[in-house]
Amino acid sequence: MTSENNPTEKITKKELTYIQKVWQTVIIVAMLVVFILIARVAFHVLLMVLAGSLISLYFHGMGDLIQKITKLSRRTSLLLSVAGSFIFIGLLLWFMGTKIQNQISILNDTLPNTINNIKLKLSETSNGLKIINYLSGENSEKLFSTAQRFFSTSFGVLANLYIIILLGIFLTVNPGVYKEGILKLVPGYNKSLVKNVIDRISHDLKGWLKGTVLSIILITVLITIGLTIMEIPVALVLGLIAGILKIIPNFGSLAAMVPGILLALTIGTNTTIITALIYIVSQTIVSSIITPLIQERIINLPPALTIVSQVIMGTLSGALGIILAVPLLIIVVILVDELYVKKVV
């Protein structure tokens, strides 16, 4: 009997075909999951490379400044830039470590009492009770879990700091090797375009980095001096917090005000108002001085686009993504402008 007249064999062939489709679907889904996981890890690695590149740009910028002032050779200036930066950070931590540690201890002891006092004051009004009720129960658990995830991610960033610093040093020692390596992967007729894109990205990131460093220094000094005059506890720690958070546009300035306002509430209403003004005026002064400088050296980024990029990067990569959102956005905008917009126009 032939296979065409055998219904059993036809059923077997159909069953085998169905099983093959099921396995194909399973394999495709599995490969998609693996691809997503690899892409996520690769994206995090790329962010670490970007962070290392920014550190390298900082060392080269400091090297340029040292060379301009001292007229030393390029190699010697870079060596002084790297060694001087680490020595400065080490001395700063050594001289200020004890004081900062004592102030952090005071801050830890003061904040719980401050929060309790705020709750007592809020409970005296109907609107205050609504705020307390909203922040209690499930909402407080959500806020706590969000903060916990953020700080756990932040500690993950600190764990990767060693690798980022090493990348920064390697990129500082011989950046030409990596640049030439990228150009070798590009066809000959596109080498000039890619070289122009790399130079433009380097120029704009240097401008952003210069403005950010100046902003951090100015905010730290202004906030520390202002809060010290107002006799706010742990003024040095609050100034350092404000300076460090300045690296995060928009959200960092608002977050930096919270501990200062909480501590000012324990002293009095007038002190709280003046403390808030110190933060606002300091941020305004820095924005008036530094923002024009940044806009002269880099492309003008729309504020809404900056916020969206921070939200997306924060969701994808946590604290490291938020910190690197602006430089990554600068790179993306330059790539779109050079590789698409200019060709269309």
C-alpha atoms as a PDB file:
ATOM      1  CA  MET A   1       0.000   0.000   0.000  1.00  0.00           C
ATOM      2  CA  THR A   2       1.403   3.442  -0.964  1.00  0.00           C
ATOM      3  CA  SER A   3       1.873   6.352   1.458  1.00  0.00           C
ATOM      4  CA  GLU A   4      -0.820   8.343  -0.343  1.00  0.00           C
ATOM      5  CA  ASN A   5      -3.477   5.760   0.634  1.00  0.00           C
ATOM      6  CA  ASN A   6      -2.228   5.385   4.226  1.00  0.00           C
ATOM      7  CA  PRO A   7      -4.099   7.828   6.545  1.00  0.00           C
ATOM      8  CA  THR A   8      -1.969   6.820   9.565  1.00  0.00           C
ATOM      9  CA  GLU A   9       1.213   8.044   7.884  1.00  0.00           C
ATOM     10  CA  LYS A  10      -0.477  11.356   6.973  1.00  0.00           C
ATOM     11  CA  ILE A  11      -1.443  11.920  10.628  1.00  0.00           C
ATOM     12  CA  THR A  12       2.123  11.135  11.719  1.00  0.00           C
ATOM     13  CA  LYS A  13       3.506  13.688   9.250  1.00  0.00           C
ATOM     14  CA  LYS A  14       1.041  16.344  10.519  1.00  0.00           C
ATOM     15  CA  GLU A  15       1.988  15.634  14.138  1.00  0.00           C
ATOM     16  CA  LEU A  16       5.704  15.921  13.341  1.00  0.00           C
ATOM     17  CA  THR A  17       5.107  19.207  11.539  1.00  0.00           C
ATOM     18  CA  TYR A  18       3.185  20.607  14.510  1.00  0.00           C
ATOM     19  CA  ILE A  19       5.900  19.522  16.945  1.00  0.00           C
ATOM     20  CA  GLN A  20       8.545  21.153  14.778  1.00  0.00           C
ATOM     21  CA  LYS A  21       6.592  24.424  14.814  1.00  0.00           C
ATOM     22  CA  VAL A  22       6.300  24.282  18.598  1.00  0.00           C
ATOM     23  CA  TRP A  23      10.047  23.747  18.950  1.00  0.00           C
ATOM     24  CA  GLN A  24      10.758  26.524  16.495  1.00  0.00           C
ATOM     25  CA  THR A  25       8.592  28.884  18.534  1.00  0.00           C
ATOM     26  CA  VAL A  26      10.322  27.854  21.764  1.00  0.00           C
ATOM     27  CA  ILE A  27      13.766  28.350  20.212  1.00  0.00           C
ATOM     28  CA  ILE A  28      12.828  31.786  18.834  1.00  0.00           C
ATOM     29  CA  VAL A  29      11.460  32.937  22.208  1.00  0.00           C
ATOM     30  CA  ALA A  30      14.527  31.581  24.019  1.00  0.00           C
ATOM     31  CA  MET A  31      16.882  33.322  21.572  1.00  0.00           C
ATOM     32  CA  LEU A  32      14.915  36.568  21.966  1.00  0.00           C
ATOM     33  CA  VAL A  33      15.195  36.380  25.764  1.00  0.00           C
ATOM     34  CA  VAL A  34      18.934  35.668  25.532  1.00  0.00           C
ATOM     35  CA  PHE A  35      19.366  38.570  23.093  1.00  0.00           C
ATOM     36  CA  ILE A  36      17.532  40.957  25.434  1.00  0.00           C
ATOM     37  CA  LEU A  37      19.648  39.849  28.406  1.00  0.00           C
ATOM     38  CA  ILE A  38      22.878  40.204  26.420  1.00  0.00           C
ATOM     39  CA  ALA A  39      21.774  43.609  25.094  1.00  0.00           C
ATOM     40  CA  ARG A  40      21.010  44.796  28.611  1.00  0.00           C
ATOM     41  CA  VAL A  41      24.415  43.698  29.893  1.00  0.00           C
ATOM     42  CA  ALA A  42      26.129  45.142  26.823  1.00  0.00           C
ATOM     43  CA  PHE A  43      24.305  48.459  27.307  1.00  0.00           C
ATOM     44  CA  HIS A  44      25.524  48.637  30.912  1.00  0.00           C
ATOM     45  CA  VAL A  45      29.069  47.915  29.731  1.00  0.00           C
ATOM     46  CA  LEU A  46      28.773  50.671  27.110  1.00  0.00           C
ATOM     47  CA  LEU A  47      27.684  53.087  29.839  1.00  0.00           C
ATOM     48  CA  MET A  48      30.781  52.146  31.847  1.00  0.00           C
ATOM     49  CA  VAL A  49      32.913  52.782  28.753  1.00  0.00           C
ATOM     50  CA  LEU A  50      31.218  56.188  28.368  1.00  0.00           C
ATOM     51  CA  ALA A  51      31.937  56.968  32.030  1.00  0.00           C
ATOM     52  CA  GLY A  52      35.571  55.956  31.534  1.00  0.00           C
ATOM     53  CA  SER A  53      35.734  58.159  28.440  1.00  0.00           C
ATOM     54  CA  LEU A  54      34.448  61.143  30.426  1.00  0.00           C
ATOM     55  CA  ILE A  55      37.118  60.557  33.069  1.00  0.00           C
ATOM     56  CA  SER A  56      39.712  60.421  30.288  1.00  0.00           C
ATOM     57  CA  LEU A  57      38.388  63.696  28.865  1.00  0.00           C
ATOM     58  CA  TYR A  58      38.682  65.240  32.340  1.00  0.00           C
ATOM     59  CA  PHE A  59      42.321  64.131  32.644  1.00  0.00           C
ATOM     60  CA  HIS A  60      43.099  65.476  29.172  1.00  0.00           C
ATOM     61  CA  GLY A  61      41.357  68.763  29.949  1.00  0.00           C
ATOM     62  CA  MET A  62      43.358  69.167  33.148  1.00  0.00           C
ATOM     63  CA  GLY A  63      46.485  68.192  31.216  1.00  0.00           C
ATOM     64  CA  ASP A  64      45.786  70.910  28.653  1.00  0.00           C
ATOM     65  CA  LEU A  65      45.394  73.470  31.441  1.00  0.00           C
ATOM     66  CA  ILE A  66      48.620  72.371  33.168  1.00  0.00           C
ATOM     67  CA  GLN A  67      50.518  72.425  29.871  1.00  0.00           C
ATOM     68  CA  LYS A  68      49.211  75.897  29.076  1.00  0.00           C
ATOM     69  CA  ILE A  69      50.281  77.269  32.462  1.00  0.00           C
ATOM     70  CA  THR A  70      53.602  75.440  32.996  1.00  0.00           C
ATOM     71  CA  LYS A  71      54.710  74.927  29.351  1.00  0.00           C
ATOM     72  CA  LEU A  72      55.635  71.329  30.229  1.00  0.00           C
ATOM     73  CA  SER A  73      55.509  68.455  27.737  1.00  0.00           C
ATOM     74  CA  ARG A  74      52.214  66.764  26.923  1.00  0.00           C
ATOM     75  CA  ARG A  75      53.143  63.499  28.630  1.00  0.00           C
ATOM     76  CA  THR A  76      54.329  65.237  31.808  1.00  0.00           C
ATOM     77  CA  SER A  77      51.189  67.376  31.932  1.00  0.00           C
ATOM     78  CA  LEU A  78      48.941  64.302  31.629  1.00  0.00           C
ATOM     79  CA  LEU A  79      50.915  62.529  34.352  1.00  0.00           C
ATOM     80  CA  LEU A  80      50.513  65.528  36.656  1.00  0.00           C
ATOM     81  CA  SER A  81      46.820  65.658  35.773  1.00  0.00           C
ATOM     82  CA  VAL A  82      46.169  62.036  36.753  1.00  0.00           C
ATOM     83  CA  ALA A  83      48.474  61.939  39.778  1.00  0.00           C
ATOM     84  CA  GLY A  84      47.412  65.384  40.962  1.00  0.00           C
ATOM     85  CA  SER A  85      43.726  64.509  40.782  1.00  0.00           C
ATOM     86  CA  PHE A  86      44.145  61.366  42.880  1.00  0.00           C
ATOM     87  CA  ILE A  87      46.428  63.137  45.372  1.00  0.00           C
ATOM     88  CA  PHE A  88      43.957  66.007  45.703  1.00  0.00           C
ATOM     89  CA  ILE A  89      41.020  63.645  46.315  1.00  0.00           C
ATOM     90  CA  GLY A  90      43.087  61.641  48.822  1.00  0.00           C
ATOM     91  CA  LEU A  91      44.162  64.754  50.748  1.00  0.00           C
ATOM     92  CA  LEU A  92      40.623  66.125  50.690  1.00  0.00           C
ATOM     93  CA  LEU A  93      39.222  62.919  52.165  1.00  0.00           C
ATOM     94  CA  TRP A  94      42.043  62.752  54.714  1.00  0.00           C
ATOM     95  CA  PHE A  95      41.692  66.337  55.949  1.00  0.00           C
ATOM     96  CA  MET A  96      37.909  66.406  55.884  1.00  0.00           C
ATOM     97  CA  GLY A  97      37.148  62.767  56.676  1.00  0.00           C
ATOM     98  CA  THR A  98      36.778  63.152  60.427  1.00  0.00           C
ATOM     99  CA  LYS A  99      34.690  66.297  60.163  1.00  0.00           C
ATOM    100  CA  ILE A 100      32.434  64.835  57.493  1.00  0.00           C
ATOM    101  CA  GLN A 101      32.016  61.633  59.497  1.00  0.00           C
ATOM    102  CA  ASN A 102      30.999  63.608  62.592  1.00  0.00           C
ATOM    103  CA  GLN A 103      28.565  65.719  60.576  1.00  0.00           C
ATOM    104  CA  ILE A 104      27.013  62.652  58.957  1.00  0.00           C
ATOM    105  CA  SER A 105      26.525  61.172  62.435  1.00  0.00           C
ATOM    106  CA  ILE A 106      24.807  64.391  63.511  1.00  0.00           C
ATOM    107  CA  LEU A 107      22.668  64.287  60.375  1.00  0.00           C
ATOM    108  CA  ASN A 108      21.613  60.694  61.098  1.00  0.00           C
ATOM    109  CA  ASP A 109      20.733  61.633  64.681  1.00  0.00           C
ATOM    110  CA  THR A 110      18.893  64.819  63.725  1.00  0.00           C
ATOM    111  CA  LEU A 111      16.755  63.749  60.770  1.00  0.00           C
ATOM    112  CA  PRO A 112      14.479  61.281  62.652  1.00  0.00           C
ATOM    113  CA  ASN A 113      13.610  63.947  65.258  1.00  0.00           C
ATOM    114  CA  THR A 114      13.074  66.460  62.470  1.00  0.00           C
ATOM    115  CA  ILE A 115      10.648  64.161  60.683  1.00  0.00           C
ATOM    116  CA  ASN A 116       8.726  63.589  63.926  1.00  0.00           C
ATOM    117  CA  ASN A 117       8.497  67.337  64.534  1.00  0.00           C
ATOM    118  CA  ILE A 118       7.220  67.867  61.000  1.00  0.00           C
ATOM    119  CA  LYS A 119       4.556  65.203  61.539  1.00  0.00           C
ATOM    120  CA  LEU A 120       3.442  66.923  64.751  1.00  0.00           C
ATOM    121  CA  LYS A 121       3.163  70.294  62.993  1.00  0.00           C
ATOM    122  CA  LEU A 122       1.324  68.776  60.036  1.00  0.00           C
ATOM    123  CA  SER A 123      -1.134  66.968  62.319  1.00  0.00           C
ATOM    124  CA  GLU A 124      -2.340  70.339  63.645  1.00  0.00           C
ATOM    125  CA  THR A 125      -4.060  71.139  60.320  1.00  0.00           C
ATOM    126  CA  SER A 126      -6.560  69.246  58.166  1.00  0.00           C
ATOM    127  CA  ASN A 127      -4.383  69.479  55.054  1.00  0.00           C
ATOM    128  CA  GLY A 128      -1.419  68.279  57.065  1.00  0.00           C
ATOM    129  CA  LEU A 129      -3.383  65.212  58.193  1.00  0.00           C
ATOM    130  CA  LYS A 130      -4.207  64.443  54.561  1.00  0.00           C
ATOM    131  CA  ILE A 131      -0.498  64.554  53.704  1.00  0.00           C
ATOM    132  CA  ILE A 132       0.356  62.263  56.633  1.00  0.00           C
ATOM    133  CA  ASN A 133      -2.368  59.802  55.643  1.00  0.00           C
ATOM    134  CA  TYR A 134      -1.200  59.795  52.037  1.00  0.00           C
ATOM    135  CA  LEU A 135       2.407  59.100  53.034  1.00  0.00           C
ATOM    136  CA  SER A 136       1.431  56.295  55.405  1.00  0.00           C
ATOM    137  CA  GLY A 137       0.442  52.722  54.622  1.00  0.00           C
ATOM    138  CA  GLU A 138       0.878  51.461  51.079  1.00  0.00           C
ATOM    139  CA  ASN A 139       2.211  54.756  49.747  1.00  0.00           C
ATOM    140  CA  SER A 140       5.025  54.840  52.298  1.00  0.00           C
ATOM    141  CA  GLU A 141       5.927  51.258  51.424  1.00  0.00           C
ATOM    142  CA  LYS A 142       6.080  52.200  47.743  1.00  0.00           C
ATOM    143  CA  LEU A 143       8.294  55.196  48.499  1.00  0.00           C
ATOM    144  CA  PHE A 144      10.545  53.069  50.700  1.00  0.00           C
ATOM    145  CA  SER A 145      10.872  50.320  48.100  1.00  0.00           C
ATOM    146  CA  THR A 146      11.649  52.907  45.393  1.00  0.00           C
ATOM    147  CA  ALA A 147      14.339  54.507  47.548  1.00  0.00           C
ATOM    148  CA  GLN A 148      15.713  51.090  48.416  1.00  0.00           C
ATOM    149  CA  ARG A 149      16.009  50.140  44.741  1.00  0.00           C
ATOM    150  CA  PHE A 150      17.665  53.469  43.956  1.00  0.00           C
ATOM    151  CA  PHE A 151      20.306  53.165  46.666  1.00  0.00           C
ATOM    152  CA  SER A 152      20.961  49.510  45.929  1.00  0.00           C
ATOM    153  CA  THR A 153      21.588  50.556  42.333  1.00  0.00           C
ATOM    154  CA  SER A 154      23.803  53.371  43.579  1.00  0.00           C
ATOM    155  CA  PHE A 155      25.909  50.914  45.543  1.00  0.00           C
ATOM    156  CA  GLY A 156      26.159  48.884  42.343  1.00  0.00           C
ATOM    157  CA  VAL A 157      27.535  51.999  40.655  1.00  0.00           C
ATOM    158  CA  LEU A 158      30.123  52.353  43.414  1.00  0.00           C
ATOM    159  CA  ALA A 159      31.107  48.716  42.922  1.00  0.00           C
ATOM    160  CA  ASN A 160      31.796  49.468  39.228  1.00  0.00           C
ATOM    161  CA  LEU A 161      33.774  52.614  40.029  1.00  0.00           C
ATOM    162  CA  TYR A 162      37.073  50.714  40.068  1.00  0.00           C
ATOM    163  CA  ILE A 163      36.538  49.443  36.506  1.00  0.00           C
ATOM    164  CA  ILE A 164      35.432  52.883  35.302  1.00  0.00           C
ATOM    165  CA  ILE A 165      38.550  54.546  36.735  1.00  0.00           C
ATOM    166  CA  LEU A 166      40.783  51.923  35.114  1.00  0.00           C
ATOM    167  CA  LEU A 167      39.055  52.497  31.767  1.00  0.00           C
ATOM    168  CA  GLY A 168      39.552  56.238  32.192  1.00  0.00           C
ATOM    169  CA  ILE A 169      43.282  55.794  32.858  1.00  0.00           C
ATOM    170  CA  PHE A 170      43.781  53.434  29.895  1.00  0.00           C
ATOM    171  CA  LEU A 171      41.906  55.791  27.566  1.00  0.00           C
ATOM    172  CA  THR A 172      44.005  58.680  28.891  1.00  0.00           C
ATOM    173  CA  VAL A 173      47.339  56.946  28.306  1.00  0.00           C
ATOM    174  CA  ASN A 174      46.838  56.288  24.592  1.00  0.00           C
ATOM    175  CA  PRO A 175      43.500  57.488  23.185  1.00  0.00           C
ATOM    176  CA  GLY A 176      44.794  57.482  19.610  1.00  0.00           C
ATOM    177  CA  VAL A 177      44.911  53.670  19.528  1.00  0.00           C
ATOM    178  CA  TYR A 178      41.181  53.401  20.191  1.00  0.00           C
ATOM    179  CA  LYS A 179      40.307  56.187  17.785  1.00  0.00           C
ATOM    180  CA  GLU A 180      42.379  54.613  15.006  1.00  0.00           C
ATOM    181  CA  GLY A 181      40.822  51.239  15.795  1.00  0.00           C
ATOM    182  CA  ILE A 182      37.343  52.670  15.225  1.00  0.00           C
ATOM    183  CA  LEU A 183      38.426  54.336  11.972  1.00  0.00           C
ATOM    184  CA  LYS A 184      39.871  51.060  10.660  1.00  0.00           C
ATOM    185  CA  LEU A 185      36.432  49.462  10.930  1.00  0.00           C
ATOM    186  CA  VAL A 186      34.932  52.163   8.696  1.00  0.00           C
ATOM    187  CA  PRO A 187      35.083  52.038   4.860  1.00  0.00           C
ATOM    188  CA  GLY A 188      37.514  54.500   3.297  1.00  0.00           C
ATOM    189  CA  TYR A 189      34.905  56.849   1.840  1.00  0.00           C
ATOM    190  CA  ASN A 190      33.334  57.382   5.302  1.00  0.00           C
ATOM    191  CA  LYS A 191      36.510  57.829   7.360  1.00  0.00           C
ATOM    192  CA  SER A 192      36.441  61.632   7.195  1.00  0.00           C
ATOM    193  CA  LEU A 193      32.795  61.710   8.281  1.00  0.00           C
ATOM    194  CA  VAL A 194      33.411  59.395  11.243  1.00  0.00           C
ATOM    195  CA  LYS A 195      36.523  61.351  12.249  1.00  0.00           C
ATOM    196  CA  ASN A 196      34.492  64.566  12.184  1.00  0.00           C
ATOM    197  CA  VAL A 197      31.766  62.963  14.325  1.00  0.00           C
ATOM    198  CA  ILE A 198      34.318  61.713  16.881  1.00  0.00           C
ATOM    199  CA  ASP A 199      35.985  65.140  17.088  1.00  0.00           C
ATOM    200  CA  ARG A 200      32.650  66.889  17.509  1.00  0.00           C
ATOM    201  CA  ILE A 201      31.537  64.465  20.250  1.00  0.00           C
ATOM    202  CA  SER A 202      34.853  64.934  22.046  1.00  0.00           C
ATOM    203  CA  HIS A 203      34.577  68.728  21.823  1.00  0.00           C
ATOM    204  CA  ASP A 204      30.996  68.864  23.137  1.00  0.00           C
ATOM    205  CA  LEU A 205      31.599  66.363  25.938  1.00  0.00           C
ATOM    206  CA  LYS A 206      34.635  68.373  27.070  1.00  0.00           C
ATOM    207  CA  GLY A 207      32.435  71.470  27.205  1.00  0.00           C
ATOM    208  CA  TRP A 208      29.752  69.647  29.198  1.00  0.00           C
ATOM    209  CA  LEU A 209      32.345  68.203  31.570  1.00  0.00           C
ATOM    210  CA  LYS A 210      33.983  71.576  32.154  1.00  0.00           C
ATOM    211  CA  GLY A 211      30.665  73.196  32.941  1.00  0.00           C
ATOM    212  CA  THR A 212      29.654  70.331  35.250  1.00  0.00           C
ATOM    213  CA  VAL A 213      32.891  70.450  37.260  1.00  0.00           C
ATOM    214  CA  LEU A 214      32.626  74.231  37.664  1.00  0.00           C
ATOM    215  CA  SER A 215      28.977  73.878  38.703  1.00  0.00           C
ATOM    216  CA  ILE A 216      29.836  71.268  41.343  1.00  0.00           C
ATOM    217  CA  ILE A 217      32.591  73.434  42.844  1.00  0.00           C
ATOM    218  CA  LEU A 218      30.534  76.648  42.893  1.00  0.00           C
ATOM    219  CA  ILE A 219      27.399  75.015  44.319  1.00  0.00           C
ATOM    220  CA  THR A 220      29.399  73.270  47.053  1.00  0.00           C
ATOM    221  CA  VAL A 221      31.116  76.515  48.076  1.00  0.00           C
ATOM    222  CA  LEU A 222      27.995  78.712  47.931  1.00  0.00           C
ATOM    223  CA  ILE A 223      25.722  76.304  49.803  1.00  0.00           C
ATOM    224  CA  THR A 224      28.346  75.551  52.461  1.00  0.00           C
ATOM    225  CA  ILE A 225      29.051  79.250  53.111  1.00  0.00           C
ATOM    226  CA  GLY A 226      25.360  80.196  53.145  1.00  0.00           C
ATOM    227  CA  LEU A 227      24.297  77.402  55.502  1.00  0.00           C
ATOM    228  CA  THR A 228      27.298  78.040  57.767  1.00  0.00           C
ATOM    229  CA  ILE A 229      26.272  81.695  58.126  1.00  0.00           C
ATOM    230  CA  MET A 230      22.740  80.530  59.009  1.00  0.00           C
ATOM    231  CA  GLU A 231      24.251  78.098  61.561  1.00  0.00           C
ATOM    232  CA  ILE A 232      22.545  75.126  59.940  1.00  0.00           C
ATOM    233  CA  PRO A 233      23.970  71.837  61.287  1.00  0.00           C
ATOM    234  CA  VAL A 234      26.195  69.727  58.992  1.00  0.00           C
ATOM    235  CA  ALA A 235      26.581  72.576  56.494  1.00  0.00           C
ATOM    236  CA  LEU A 236      29.632  70.946  54.909  1.00  0.00           C
ATOM    237  CA  VAL A 237      27.806  67.674  54.240  1.00  0.00           C
ATOM    238  CA  LEU A 238      24.784  69.526  52.824  1.00  0.00           C
ATOM    239  CA  GLY A 239      27.077  71.546  50.547  1.00  0.00           C
ATOM    240  CA  LEU A 240      28.796  68.390  49.300  1.00  0.00           C
ATOM    241  CA  ILE A 241      25.421  66.726  48.694  1.00  0.00           C
ATOM    242  CA  ALA A 242      24.235  69.741  46.688  1.00  0.00           C
ATOM    243  CA  GLY A 243      27.472  69.772  44.684  1.00  0.00           C
ATOM    244  CA  ILE A 244      27.424  66.062  43.890  1.00  0.00           C
ATOM    245  CA  LEU A 245      23.740  66.096  42.924  1.00  0.00           C
ATOM    246  CA  LYS A 246      24.422  69.017  40.561  1.00  0.00           C
ATOM    247  CA  ILE A 247      25.716  66.431  38.109  1.00  0.00           C
ATOM    248  CA  ILE A 248      22.045  65.417  37.639  1.00  0.00           C
ATOM    249  CA  PRO A 249      20.245  68.289  35.863  1.00  0.00           C
ATOM    250  CA  ASN A 250      16.739  69.299  37.008  1.00  0.00           C
ATOM    251  CA  PHE A 251      16.158  66.566  39.610  1.00  0.00           C
ATOM    252  CA  GLY A 252      19.485  66.900  41.441  1.00  0.00           C
ATOM    253  CA  SER A 253      18.918  70.493  42.543  1.00  0.00           C
ATOM    254  CA  LEU A 254      15.475  69.675  43.953  1.00  0.00           C
ATOM    255  CA  ALA A 255      16.702  66.561  45.756  1.00  0.00           C
ATOM    256  CA  ALA A 256      19.593  68.497  47.326  1.00  0.00           C
ATOM    257  CA  MET A 257      17.193  70.950  49.001  1.00  0.00           C
ATOM    258  CA  VAL A 258      15.286  68.303  50.958  1.00  0.00           C
ATOM    259  CA  PRO A 259      17.755  67.563  53.823  1.00  0.00           C
ATOM    260  CA  GLY A 260      18.631  71.256  54.210  1.00  0.00           C
ATOM    261  CA  ILE A 261      14.976  72.283  54.468  1.00  0.00           C
ATOM    262  CA  LEU A 262      14.261  69.477  56.958  1.00  0.00           C
ATOM    263  CA  LEU A 263      17.079  70.584  59.246  1.00  0.00           C
ATOM    264  CA  ALA A 264      16.063  74.251  58.950  1.00  0.00           C
ATOM    265  CA  LEU A 265      12.539  73.347  60.097  1.00  0.00           C
ATOM    266  CA  THR A 266      13.965  72.263  63.455  1.00  0.00           C
ATOM    267  CA  ILE A 267      15.285  75.801  64.014  1.00  0.00           C
ATOM    268  CA  GLY A 268      12.401  77.955  62.869  1.00  0.00           C
ATOM    269  CA  THR A 269      10.172  79.142  60.061  1.00  0.00           C
ATOM    270  CA  ASN A 270      12.279  82.179  59.177  1.00  0.00           C
ATOM    271  CA  THR A 271      15.408  80.030  59.036  1.00  0.00           C
ATOM    272  CA  THR A 272      13.609  77.591  56.745  1.00  0.00           C
ATOM    273  CA  ILE A 273      12.609  80.363  54.334  1.00  0.00           C
ATOM    274  CA  ILE A 274      16.133  81.810  54.274  1.00  0.00           C
ATOM    275  CA  THR A 275      17.632  78.318  53.761  1.00  0.00           C
ATOM    276  CA  ALA A 276      15.321  77.726  50.804  1.00  0.00           C
ATOM    277  CA  LEU A 277      16.373  81.102  49.370  1.00  0.00           C
ATOM    278  CA  ILE A 278      20.052  80.154  49.779  1.00  0.00           C
ATOM    279  CA  TYR A 279      19.494  77.030  47.685  1.00  0.00           C
ATOM    280  CA  ILE A 280      17.432  78.863  45.053  1.00  0.00           C
ATOM    281  CA  VAL A 281      19.787  81.849  44.758  1.00  0.00           C
ATOM    282  CA  SER A 282      22.869  79.611  44.629  1.00  0.00           C
ATOM    283  CA  GLN A 283      21.349  77.484  41.869  1.00  0.00           C
ATOM    284  CA  THR A 284      20.319  80.648  39.979  1.00  0.00           C
ATOM    285  CA  ILE A 285      23.795  82.180  40.223  1.00  0.00           C
ATOM    286  CA  VAL A 286      25.459  78.985  38.991  1.00  0.00           C
ATOM    287  CA  SER A 287      22.929  78.606  36.184  1.00  0.00           C
ATOM    288  CA  SER A 288      23.491  82.214  35.103  1.00  0.00           C
ATOM    289  CA  ILE A 289      27.276  81.785  35.010  1.00  0.00           C
ATOM    290  CA  ILE A 290      27.757  78.165  33.942  1.00  0.00           C
ATOM    291  CA  THR A 291      24.783  77.509  31.634  1.00  0.00           C
ATOM    292  CA  PRO A 292      25.835  80.151  29.049  1.00  0.00           C
ATOM    293  CA  LEU A 293      29.365  78.717  29.157  1.00  0.00           C
ATOM    294  CA  ILE A 294      28.054  75.211  28.477  1.00  0.00           C
ATOM    295  CA  GLN A 295      25.758  76.396  25.686  1.00  0.00           C
ATOM    296  CA  GLU A 296      28.701  78.103  23.979  1.00  0.00           C
ATOM    297  CA  ARG A 297      30.696  74.852  23.895  1.00  0.00           C
ATOM    298  CA  ILE A 298      27.994  72.241  23.217  1.00  0.00           C
ATOM    299  CA  ILE A 299      24.734  71.896  21.346  1.00  0.00           C
ATOM    300  CA  ASN A 300      21.644  73.417  22.931  1.00  0.00           C
ATOM    301  CA  LEU A 301      19.569  70.580  24.402  1.00  0.00           C
ATOM    302  CA  PRO A 302      15.813  71.173  24.905  1.00  0.00           C
ATOM    303  CA  PRO A 303      14.941  70.859  28.635  1.00  0.00           C
ATOM    304  CA  ALA A 304      12.010  68.517  27.957  1.00  0.00           C
ATOM    305  CA  LEU A 305      14.260  66.186  25.946  1.00  0.00           C
ATOM    306  CA  THR A 306      16.787  66.180  28.794  1.00  0.00           C
ATOM    307  CA  ILE A 307      14.126  65.198  31.346  1.00  0.00           C
ATOM    308  CA  VAL A 308      12.758  62.426  29.112  1.00  0.00           C
ATOM    309  CA  SER A 309      16.265  61.027  28.573  1.00  0.00           C
ATOM    310  CA  GLN A 310      16.879  61.027  32.349  1.00  0.00           C
ATOM    311  CA  VAL A 311      13.630  59.164  33.018  1.00  0.00           C
ATOM    312  CA  ILE A 312      14.360  56.568  30.320  1.00  0.00           C
ATOM    313  CA  MET A 313      17.979  56.056  31.389  1.00  0.00           C
ATOM    314  CA  GLY A 314      16.999  55.886  35.050  1.00  0.00           C
ATOM    315  CA  THR A 315      14.513  53.128  34.231  1.00  0.00           C
ATOM    316  CA  LEU A 316      17.045  51.194  32.152  1.00  0.00           C
ATOM    317  CA  SER A 317      20.231  51.582  34.197  1.00  0.00           C
ATOM    318  CA  GLY A 318      19.421  53.202  37.542  1.00  0.00           C
ATOM    319  CA  ALA A 319      21.735  55.830  39.045  1.00  0.00           C
ATOM    320  CA  LEU A 320      24.487  55.372  36.458  1.00  0.00           C
ATOM    321  CA  GLY A 321      21.960  55.910  33.670  1.00  0.00           C
ATOM    322  CA  ILE A 322      20.652  59.111  35.251  1.00  0.00           C
ATOM    323  CA  ILE A 323      24.170  60.512  35.661  1.00  0.00           C
ATOM    324  CA  LEU A 324      25.144  59.702  32.073  1.00  0.00           C
ATOM    325  CA  ALA A 325      21.801  60.641  30.494  1.00  0.00           C
ATOM    326  CA  VAL A 326      22.917  64.099  29.340  1.00  0.00           C
ATOM    327  CA  PRO A 327      26.287  63.102  27.793  1.00  0.00           C
ATOM    328  CA  LEU A 328      24.576  60.140  26.104  1.00  0.00           C
ATOM    329  CA  LEU A 329      21.891  62.490  24.773  1.00  0.00           C
ATOM    330  CA  ILE A 330      24.619  64.785  23.428  1.00  0.00           C
ATOM    331  CA  ILE A 331      26.148  61.848  21.543  1.00  0.00           C
ATOM    332  CA  VAL A 332      22.776  60.758  20.130  1.00  0.00           C
ATOM    333  CA  VAL A 333      21.888  64.281  18.962  1.00  0.00           C
ATOM    334  CA  ILE A 334      25.275  64.686  17.250  1.00  0.00           C
ATOM    335  CA  LEU A 335      24.937  61.311  15.519  1.00  0.00           C
ATOM    336  CA  VAL A 336      21.442  62.159  14.283  1.00  0.00           C
ATOM    337  CA  ASP A 337      22.583  65.590  13.097  1.00  0.00           C
ATOM    338  CA  GLU A 338      25.707  64.367  11.293  1.00  0.00           C
ATOM    339  CA  LEU A 339      24.417  61.081   9.862  1.00  0.00           C
ATOM    340  CA  TYR A 340      20.821  62.013   9.038  1.00  0.00           C
ATOM    341  CA  VAL A 341      19.796  65.679   9.272  1.00  0.00           C
ATOM    342  CA  LYS A 342      22.710  67.099   7.246  1.00  0.00           C
ATOM    343  CA  LYS A 343      22.224  64.495   4.521  1.00  0.00           C
ATOM    344  CA  VAL A 344      18.493  65.198   4.280  1.00  0.00           C
ATOM    345  CA  VAL A 345      18.998  68.964   4.164  1.00  0.00           C
END
